[in-house]
Each structure stands twice: as C-alpha cells, then as structure tokens.
Amino acid sequence: MPPDLHDHAVTVLDPERGPRAAAPCPLCGAVGGRAIFAVEGCASPVVACPECGLARLEPLPSDDELARFYPDAYYGDPGIKFQATVEWLVRAVGARHIRFLARGVPPGGRILDVGCGRGVLLAELADRGFEVHGVERTAAAALGADPRARIRIAPDLAAAGYPPEFFDAVIIWHVLEHLRDPVATVREIGRLLRPGGKLVVAVPNFSSLQARWAGPAWFHLDLPRHLFHFPLRALRRLLEQSGFVFVSEHHFSLRQNPFGWIQSALNRHAELPRNGLYTLLHRRPPGETAPFDSATRRRLLLSGLLRLPLALLLTVVEAALRSGATVHVVARKPGVAKREA
C-alpha cells in the first residue's frame, strides 16, 4: 500500500452479507461481529462488535504493514506538519487544552504523553513547571519536540520500561485508536499511575452524530491507520474494566470537530479527492509541487471556507447533545495520591 493513505476509498459492506469476524472482540469477548467497511488496497475490513460496539480492522495488519502506514513524511519535517498558518492555529488551539490537562495534577508533577508526536502538549506543560515525559514508536515521530521532554522510543508502552506508580498523570490524545492492543495499553497505564493519578484519553467518537451522518465519508475514520474505532460506551467500558474510575466526558473540540464536518462533507462529493483539503493543508518539502490541479485546489479551499460557519455551529450543537465527533474523557486510578518525599 502506498505511504499516502488519505485518498483511499472507503465503501460500505452489507452487515448481513459481509464477512464475519474470525476472532472474538478484544474488549468484551463477543463473537459474531460482521464487516461494515472496506478500504481500498487493504485486505482487512472494519468489523463492528455486536455487543460493545467497538469496531476494528480484522485481522490486524502485520507490524511491517503498520510501519508502512507511517512514513517519516507523515509527521512533518522537522516537526512541522501543516502549512505555516494552519500549523500556528493547531498549536494555538492545542495550547487551550493545557489548563484542562493540568487540572488536579500536583505542582511539578510527572506527566506522560503516550504517542507524544511533536510534543506540542509537552512543551506547554513544561512551561507550567511539570516534569514531562513522552513515548513514541520512532524517532521521526518525535522530531522537533521540546528538548525538556524526556522521550523514550519504544514499540509499545510496556516496552518503554517505566517503573510502577511513576506518573501523576497520563495523556493519550488521539493515539489509542492507532495501537495494536489498546486494552493492554490502558492496563499498563494503570500500572504506571500513582494512586489517585489522572488519565485523559481522546479518541474519535464512532457513535457521534458526525460519524453516523458521514458514514464511509467520515474524515476521522482515517483507515487503515486507525485500527480501532471507539463508540463512547466502548471507551468507558475499557476504562472501567481496566480498573479506572470514570470521572467526566467532554464533547467540544475546536481543533478536531469543525474540520471533521468540513472534510467529511467534501468527501461525500465523489468528484473531489478524498480528504483532499487535509492533504492540501499539509506542509510540503521545498521544491515539491502542490497536489491536484489549480481548479481543484481553489474549489477545495473555497468550499472549506464556505462550510466553516456551519461547521462551527454543528460543533456546538453536537457538544450540547453530548455526541461530539471526537471525545475526551477523564478517569482516575483508585486510591489516594501519594507524593515522593
């Protein structure tokens, strides 16, 4: 499969006739899920569990296939993923999360960002005096991260080798859906958190209004990189089965949800390139020509701008209905927080 997966078509499969899952659901153990989506060039369809609603690629791609899904260019170079104005907006909006992420963490506390990427969150947390740590699968993924962040490169969280009860808070922000074993990852987070420690998880909401409206055109499907697709009830079940106490859920995201509406709407037009606006907004190496012809570029940009007011309104509405296209939840490890002497 080519490295650039954004334009691969996603089609709906008849759940009554599509292939049945060969393995039980990794979350609830139910059997009998059927395929609902197929992605061009990928042998694994998306299968939805009939019990908990968790959807997944079945079977999961091999490690070699997964590595090809994430070429160095996927992360930006050096650590800059989008065109300058968009990159500034992403970082500015991302900074708004810091007060929320830091709430309830003791001053100077130790925070881990699983799948920290370019370290946008870690830099802001370091500015507030926290000891910041990150885990990434490759050095290229963390290129451009703040030097104050203590980043370990490991194939999964357990392999990073942290001691038990080491962190006051763990963040896993739009990463859980990319992992081969999200159940094991959340359990490992439970081992790493101190009693009373805080966990913040953000994922696309597979049960959201946006997901149901867009169907195979949904921008946040990101197939086949997203190995798992969580409805909110499945995410809550995962946390509670892993021993966490569910604290709160949050459905408003200015960074994720308005663009999801815009790109999903554009994806419903078969004559436009799938996820074309997202591709167009990416930073390109010097000398590389812009994608698509000039007429398509103009149409994508103009259509995106015209849809922005409605997208913002829909983002407010979906949040009020507690059905955000992406959702972030807060959970805590049971017990009373203990600080080192």
Protein backbone atom coordinates (compact mmCIF):
# COMPACT_ATOMS: atom_id res chain seq x y z
CA MET A 1 0.00 0.00 0.00
CA PRO A 2 1.42 3.45 -0.85
CA PRO A 3 2.53 5.66 2.07
CA ASP A 4 -0.15 8.30 1.43
CA LEU A 5 -3.38 6.67 2.53
CA HIS A 6 -5.65 9.70 2.76
CA ASP A 7 -7.18 9.23 -0.69
CA HIS A 8 -8.04 5.53 -0.43
CA ALA A 9 -11.74 4.92 -0.97
CA VAL A 10 -13.89 3.51 1.85
CA THR A 11 -17.01 1.56 0.92
CA VAL A 12 -19.94 0.23 2.92
CA LEU A 13 -20.38 -3.53 3.26
CA ASP A 14 -23.75 -5.15 3.85
CA PRO A 15 -23.57 -6.25 7.52
CA GLU A 16 -25.92 -9.14 6.74
CA ARG A 17 -23.73 -10.46 3.94
CA GLY A 18 -20.24 -9.21 4.75
CA PRO A 19 -17.59 -11.49 6.22
CA ARG A 20 -17.91 -12.44 9.87
CA ALA A 21 -15.11 -11.71 12.35
CA ALA A 22 -12.80 -14.66 12.86
CA ALA A 23 -11.70 -13.62 16.35
CA PRO A 24 -13.67 -12.54 19.44
CA CYS A 25 -13.87 -8.86 20.34
CA PRO A 26 -10.71 -7.90 22.26
CA LEU A 27 -12.74 -5.75 24.65
CA CYS A 28 -15.79 -7.82 25.58
CA GLY A 29 -15.05 -11.23 24.02
CA ALA A 30 -18.25 -11.32 21.97
CA VAL A 31 -18.23 -13.28 18.73
CA GLY A 32 -20.22 -12.80 15.56
CA GLY A 33 -19.31 -9.27 14.50
CA ARG A 34 -19.65 -8.56 10.80
CA ALA A 35 -17.69 -6.32 8.44
CA ILE A 36 -19.17 -2.87 7.84
CA PHE A 37 -16.46 -1.03 5.84
CA ALA A 38 -13.77 -1.96 3.34
CA VAL A 39 -10.81 0.26 2.48
CA GLU A 40 -9.19 0.30 -0.93
CA GLY A 41 -5.93 -1.62 -1.02
CA CYS A 42 -6.34 -3.14 2.45
CA ALA A 43 -7.26 -6.79 2.90
CA SER A 44 -8.76 -6.24 6.38
CA PRO A 45 -12.32 -4.89 6.60
CA VAL A 46 -13.67 -2.92 9.57
CA VAL A 47 -15.67 -5.23 11.81
CA ALA A 48 -18.10 -3.97 14.49
CA CYS A 49 -18.74 -5.87 17.70
CA PRO A 50 -22.46 -6.64 18.19
CA GLU A 51 -22.13 -6.38 21.97
CA CYS A 52 -19.96 -3.36 22.92
CA GLY A 53 -19.87 -1.57 19.55
CA LEU A 54 -16.08 -1.48 19.29
CA ALA A 55 -15.01 -1.64 15.64
CA ARG A 56 -11.64 -2.82 14.40
CA LEU A 57 -9.65 -3.94 11.40
CA GLU A 58 -9.96 -7.73 11.30
CA PRO A 59 -7.42 -9.21 11.06
CA LEU A 60 -4.99 -6.55 12.27
CA PRO A 61 -2.24 -5.63 9.79
CA SER A 62 1.23 -7.06 10.39
CA ASP A 63 3.97 -5.00 12.04
CA ASP A 64 5.61 -4.47 8.64
CA GLU A 65 2.35 -3.22 7.16
CA LEU A 66 1.84 -0.84 10.09
CA ALA A 67 5.32 0.57 9.64
CA ARG A 68 4.48 1.43 6.02
CA PHE A 69 1.42 3.37 7.18
CA TYR A 70 3.71 5.88 8.94
CA PRO A 71 6.50 7.10 6.64
CA ASP A 72 8.68 9.91 8.01
CA ALA A 73 6.73 12.44 5.94
CA TYR A 74 3.58 11.61 7.94
CA TYR A 75 4.97 13.53 10.94
CA GLY A 76 6.28 16.60 9.14
CA ASP A 77 9.85 17.83 8.73
CA PRO A 78 11.26 19.00 11.06
CA GLY A 79 8.33 18.55 13.41
CA ILE A 80 6.10 20.86 11.34
CA LYS A 81 3.17 19.08 9.74
CA PHE A 82 0.99 21.78 8.17
CA GLN A 83 1.28 24.97 6.17
CA ALA A 84 2.53 27.87 8.34
CA THR A 85 -0.85 29.47 9.12
CA VAL A 86 -2.53 26.14 9.83
CA GLU A 87 0.42 24.99 11.96
CA TRP A 88 0.15 28.16 14.06
CA LEU A 89 -3.59 27.63 14.51
CA VAL A 90 -3.10 23.97 15.51
CA ARG A 91 -0.55 24.93 18.15
CA ALA A 92 -2.58 27.89 19.40
CA VAL A 93 -5.75 25.83 19.78
CA GLY A 94 -3.75 22.98 21.31
CA ALA A 95 -2.42 25.35 23.96
CA ARG A 96 -6.01 25.93 25.15
CA HIS A 97 -6.10 22.34 26.42
CA ILE A 98 -3.25 22.79 28.84
CA ARG A 99 -5.23 24.19 31.74
CA PHE A 100 -7.68 21.31 31.41
CA LEU A 101 -4.94 18.69 31.16
CA ALA A 102 -3.08 20.12 34.17
CA ARG A 103 -6.12 20.39 36.40
CA GLY A 104 -5.73 18.25 39.52
CA VAL A 105 -2.06 17.41 38.85
CA PRO A 106 0.21 18.46 41.76
CA PRO A 107 2.70 21.29 41.07
CA GLY A 108 5.82 19.89 39.49
CA GLY A 109 4.04 16.58 38.88
CA ARG A 110 5.27 13.98 36.45
CA ILE A 111 3.17 13.71 33.25
CA LEU A 112 3.44 11.15 30.45
CA ASP A 113 2.11 11.71 26.92
CA VAL A 114 1.68 8.37 25.13
CA GLY A 115 2.25 8.93 21.43
CA CYS A 116 3.57 12.43 22.10
CA GLY A 117 4.45 13.15 18.47
CA ARG A 118 5.96 16.59 18.03
CA GLY A 119 5.48 17.39 21.71
CA VAL A 120 3.03 20.30 21.32
CA LEU A 121 1.32 19.43 24.60
CA LEU A 122 4.55 18.59 26.42
CA ALA A 123 6.13 21.97 25.65
CA GLU A 124 3.17 23.83 27.14
CA LEU A 125 3.11 21.57 30.20
CA ALA A 126 6.84 22.09 30.71
CA ASP A 127 6.23 25.84 30.64
CA ARG A 128 3.95 25.33 33.63
CA GLY A 129 6.64 23.59 35.62
CA PHE A 130 5.68 19.95 35.13
CA GLU A 131 8.20 17.16 34.54
CA VAL A 132 7.20 15.93 31.10
CA HIS A 133 7.78 12.53 29.50
CA GLY A 134 6.74 11.07 26.17
CA VAL A 135 6.69 7.77 24.31
CA GLU A 136 6.85 7.38 20.53
CA ARG A 137 7.38 4.44 18.20
CA THR A 138 10.03 6.14 16.05
CA ALA A 139 12.48 8.99 16.41
CA ALA A 140 10.98 10.61 13.30
CA ALA A 141 7.62 10.85 15.05
CA ALA A 142 9.13 12.96 17.86
CA LEU A 143 11.28 15.16 15.62
CA GLY A 144 11.03 18.79 16.70
CA ALA A 145 9.79 18.02 20.23
CA ASP A 146 10.74 20.36 23.06
CA PRO A 147 14.16 19.35 24.47
CA ARG A 148 12.74 19.47 28.01
CA ALA A 149 10.58 16.44 27.19
CA ARG A 150 12.13 13.13 28.21
CA ILE A 151 11.08 10.95 25.29
CA ARG A 152 11.59 7.21 25.01
CA ILE A 153 11.37 5.39 21.68
CA ALA A 154 9.66 2.01 22.06
CA PRO A 155 7.31 -0.22 20.05
CA ASP A 156 4.67 -0.05 22.81
CA LEU A 157 4.16 1.45 26.24
CA ALA A 158 5.20 -1.65 28.21
CA ALA A 159 8.49 -1.81 26.28
CA ALA A 160 9.32 1.76 27.35
CA GLY A 161 10.27 0.31 30.74
CA TYR A 162 8.80 2.80 33.21
CA PRO A 163 8.62 1.74 36.89
CA PRO A 164 5.24 1.24 38.59
CA GLU A 165 3.34 4.21 40.05
CA PHE A 166 5.76 6.60 38.36
CA PHE A 167 3.37 9.24 36.95
CA ASP A 168 0.85 11.68 38.38
CA ALA A 169 -0.99 11.92 35.05
CA VAL A 170 -1.02 10.17 31.69
CA ILE A 171 -2.35 11.63 28.44
CA ILE A 172 -3.19 9.52 25.40
CA TRP A 173 -4.51 12.05 22.89
CA HIS A 174 -5.83 10.61 19.62
CA VAL A 175 -3.41 7.69 19.82
CA LEU A 176 -5.38 4.80 21.33
CA GLU A 177 -7.14 4.12 18.02
CA HIS A 178 -3.75 3.62 16.32
CA LEU A 179 -2.46 0.93 18.69
CA ARG A 180 -2.44 -2.81 18.11
CA ASP A 181 -3.56 -3.55 21.68
CA PRO A 182 -5.45 -0.67 23.30
CA VAL A 183 -6.68 -2.95 26.10
CA ALA A 184 -3.12 -3.83 27.17
CA THR A 185 -2.07 -0.19 26.83
CA VAL A 186 -4.76 1.08 29.20
CA ARG A 187 -3.92 -1.64 31.70
CA GLU A 188 -0.25 -0.66 31.52
CA ILE A 189 -1.23 2.96 32.18
CA GLY A 190 -2.98 1.74 35.31
CA ARG A 191 0.29 0.18 36.45
CA LEU A 192 2.26 3.36 35.78
CA LEU A 193 -0.09 5.80 37.51
CA ARG A 194 0.16 6.61 41.17
CA PRO A 195 -2.97 6.03 43.28
CA GLY A 196 -5.35 8.89 42.52
CA GLY A 197 -3.49 9.59 39.26
CA LYS A 198 -5.30 11.15 36.32
CA LEU A 199 -5.80 9.65 32.86
CA VAL A 200 -7.01 11.72 29.91
CA VAL A 201 -7.99 9.86 26.73
CA ALA A 202 -9.15 11.42 23.45
CA VAL A 203 -10.50 9.40 20.51
CA PRO A 204 -12.79 9.87 17.52
CA ASN A 205 -16.32 9.05 18.67
CA PHE A 206 -17.60 6.25 16.44
CA SER A 207 -21.13 6.73 17.82
CA SER A 208 -21.21 10.50 17.17
CA LEU A 209 -23.67 12.41 15.03
CA GLN A 210 -20.86 13.26 12.62
CA ALA A 211 -19.80 9.61 12.24
CA ARG A 212 -23.37 8.43 11.64
CA TRP A 213 -24.10 11.23 9.16
CA ALA A 214 -20.90 10.83 7.16
CA GLY A 215 -20.66 7.02 7.15
CA PRO A 216 -17.78 5.91 4.89
CA ALA A 217 -17.00 9.59 4.12
CA TRP A 218 -16.17 10.35 7.78
CA PHE A 219 -12.83 12.13 7.97
CA HIS A 220 -11.94 10.66 11.37
CA LEU A 221 -12.09 7.06 10.11
CA ASP A 222 -8.50 7.52 8.84
CA LEU A 223 -8.37 3.97 7.50
CA PRO A 224 -6.28 1.87 7.70
CA ARG A 225 -4.17 3.78 10.25
CA HIS A 226 -6.99 3.73 12.79
CA LEU A 227 -7.02 0.09 13.82
CA PHE A 228 -9.85 0.59 16.35
CA HIS A 229 -12.96 2.76 16.36
CA PHE A 230 -14.48 3.56 19.75
CA PRO A 231 -18.07 4.48 20.44
CA LEU A 232 -18.16 6.28 23.78
CA ARG A 233 -19.72 3.32 25.58
CA ALA A 234 -16.87 1.05 24.46
CA LEU A 235 -14.25 3.54 25.66
CA ARG A 236 -15.96 3.81 29.02
CA ARG A 237 -16.15 0.04 29.28
CA LEU A 238 -12.44 -0.26 28.52
CA LEU A 239 -11.52 2.19 31.26
CA GLU A 240 -13.76 0.63 33.88
CA GLN A 241 -12.66 -2.94 33.03
CA SER A 242 -9.06 -1.74 33.46
CA GLY A 243 -9.77 -0.57 37.00
CA PHE A 244 -10.25 3.15 36.42
CA VAL A 245 -12.98 5.33 37.88
CA PHE A 246 -14.71 7.26 35.09
CA VAL A 247 -14.83 10.97 36.01
CA SER A 248 -16.11 13.01 33.05
CA GLU A 249 -16.61 13.19 29.30
CA HIS A 250 -16.12 16.22 27.04
CA HIS A 251 -17.56 16.61 23.54
CA PHE A 252 -16.32 20.01 22.34
CA SER A 253 -13.10 20.21 20.32
CA LEU A 254 -12.36 23.31 18.28
CA ARG A 255 -9.22 21.66 16.97
CA GLN A 256 -10.82 18.45 15.65
CA ASN A 257 -14.57 18.66 15.21
CA PRO A 258 -15.25 21.62 12.85
CA PHE A 259 -12.69 20.35 10.34
CA GLY A 260 -14.25 16.89 10.63
CA TRP A 261 -17.57 18.31 9.46
CA ILE A 262 -15.93 20.21 6.59
CA GLN A 263 -13.77 17.39 5.25
CA SER A 264 -16.49 14.76 5.71
CA ALA A 265 -18.90 16.91 3.69
CA LEU A 266 -16.32 17.30 0.93
CA ASN A 267 -15.68 13.54 0.98
CA ARG A 268 -19.32 12.98 0.06
CA HIS A 269 -18.57 14.52 -3.36
CA ALA A 270 -17.17 11.68 -5.43
CA GLU A 271 -15.58 14.05 -7.95
CA LEU A 272 -13.32 15.56 -5.25
CA PRO A 273 -10.22 13.78 -3.93
CA ARG A 274 -10.90 12.03 -0.64
CA ASN A 275 -9.51 14.08 2.26
CA GLY A 276 -8.21 16.49 -0.36
CA LEU A 277 -8.43 19.62 1.77
CA TYR A 278 -6.49 17.91 4.56
CA THR A 279 -3.80 16.88 2.06
CA LEU A 280 -3.67 20.39 0.59
CA LEU A 281 -3.09 21.99 4.01
CA HIS A 282 -0.02 19.83 4.73
CA ARG A 283 3.43 21.38 4.56
CA ARG A 284 5.43 20.24 1.53
CA PRO A 285 9.20 19.90 1.22
CA PRO A 286 10.93 22.69 -0.75
CA GLY A 287 10.51 22.19 -4.47
CA GLU A 288 7.56 19.80 -4.20
CA THR A 289 4.58 20.94 -6.26
CA ALA A 290 1.15 21.41 -4.74
CA PRO A 291 -1.22 18.45 -5.09
CA PHE A 292 -4.12 18.45 -7.57
CA ASP A 293 -4.75 20.88 -10.40
CA SER A 294 -5.33 24.57 -9.71
CA ALA A 295 -9.09 24.36 -10.21
CA THR A 296 -9.40 21.53 -7.67
CA ARG A 297 -7.23 23.41 -5.18
CA ARG A 298 -9.40 26.52 -5.49
CA ARG A 299 -12.58 24.50 -5.10
CA LEU A 300 -11.31 22.71 -2.00
CA LEU A 301 -10.18 25.90 -0.30
CA LEU A 302 -13.31 27.88 -1.19
CA SER A 303 -15.64 25.03 -0.23
CA GLY A 304 -13.85 24.68 3.09
CA LEU A 305 -14.16 28.36 3.90
CA LEU A 306 -17.84 28.47 2.93
CA ARG A 307 -18.61 25.49 5.15
CA LEU A 308 -16.74 26.84 8.18
CA PRO A 309 -19.63 28.81 9.79
CA LEU A 310 -21.99 25.83 9.60
CA ALA A 311 -19.25 23.51 10.83
CA LEU A 312 -18.70 25.69 13.89
CA LEU A 313 -22.43 25.74 14.60
CA LEU A 314 -22.69 21.95 14.24
CA THR A 315 -19.73 21.55 16.59
CA VAL A 316 -21.60 23.49 19.27
CA VAL A 317 -24.80 21.52 18.63
CA GLU A 318 -23.14 18.11 18.79
CA ALA A 319 -21.38 19.08 22.02
CA ALA A 320 -24.68 20.20 23.55
CA LEU A 321 -26.19 16.84 22.56
CA ARG A 322 -23.15 15.03 24.05
CA SER A 323 -22.35 13.48 20.70
CA GLY A 324 -19.09 15.16 19.70
CA ALA A 325 -17.24 13.84 16.65
CA THR A 326 -14.26 13.43 18.95
CA VAL A 327 -14.50 12.96 22.68
CA HIS A 328 -12.01 13.24 25.51
CA VAL A 329 -12.62 11.61 28.86
CA VAL A 330 -11.07 11.86 32.29
CA ALA A 331 -10.60 8.87 34.58
CA ARG A 332 -8.66 8.28 37.78
CA LYS A 333 -6.84 5.38 39.32
CA PRO A 334 -8.49 4.48 42.62
CA GLY A 335 -6.67 5.40 45.82
CA VAL A 336 -5.22 8.43 47.50
CA ALA A 337 -2.44 10.23 45.72
CA LYS A 338 0.96 9.84 47.36
CA ARG A 339 3.86 12.14 46.65
CA GLU A 340 7.54 11.35 46.91
CA ALA A 341 9.35 12.82 49.90
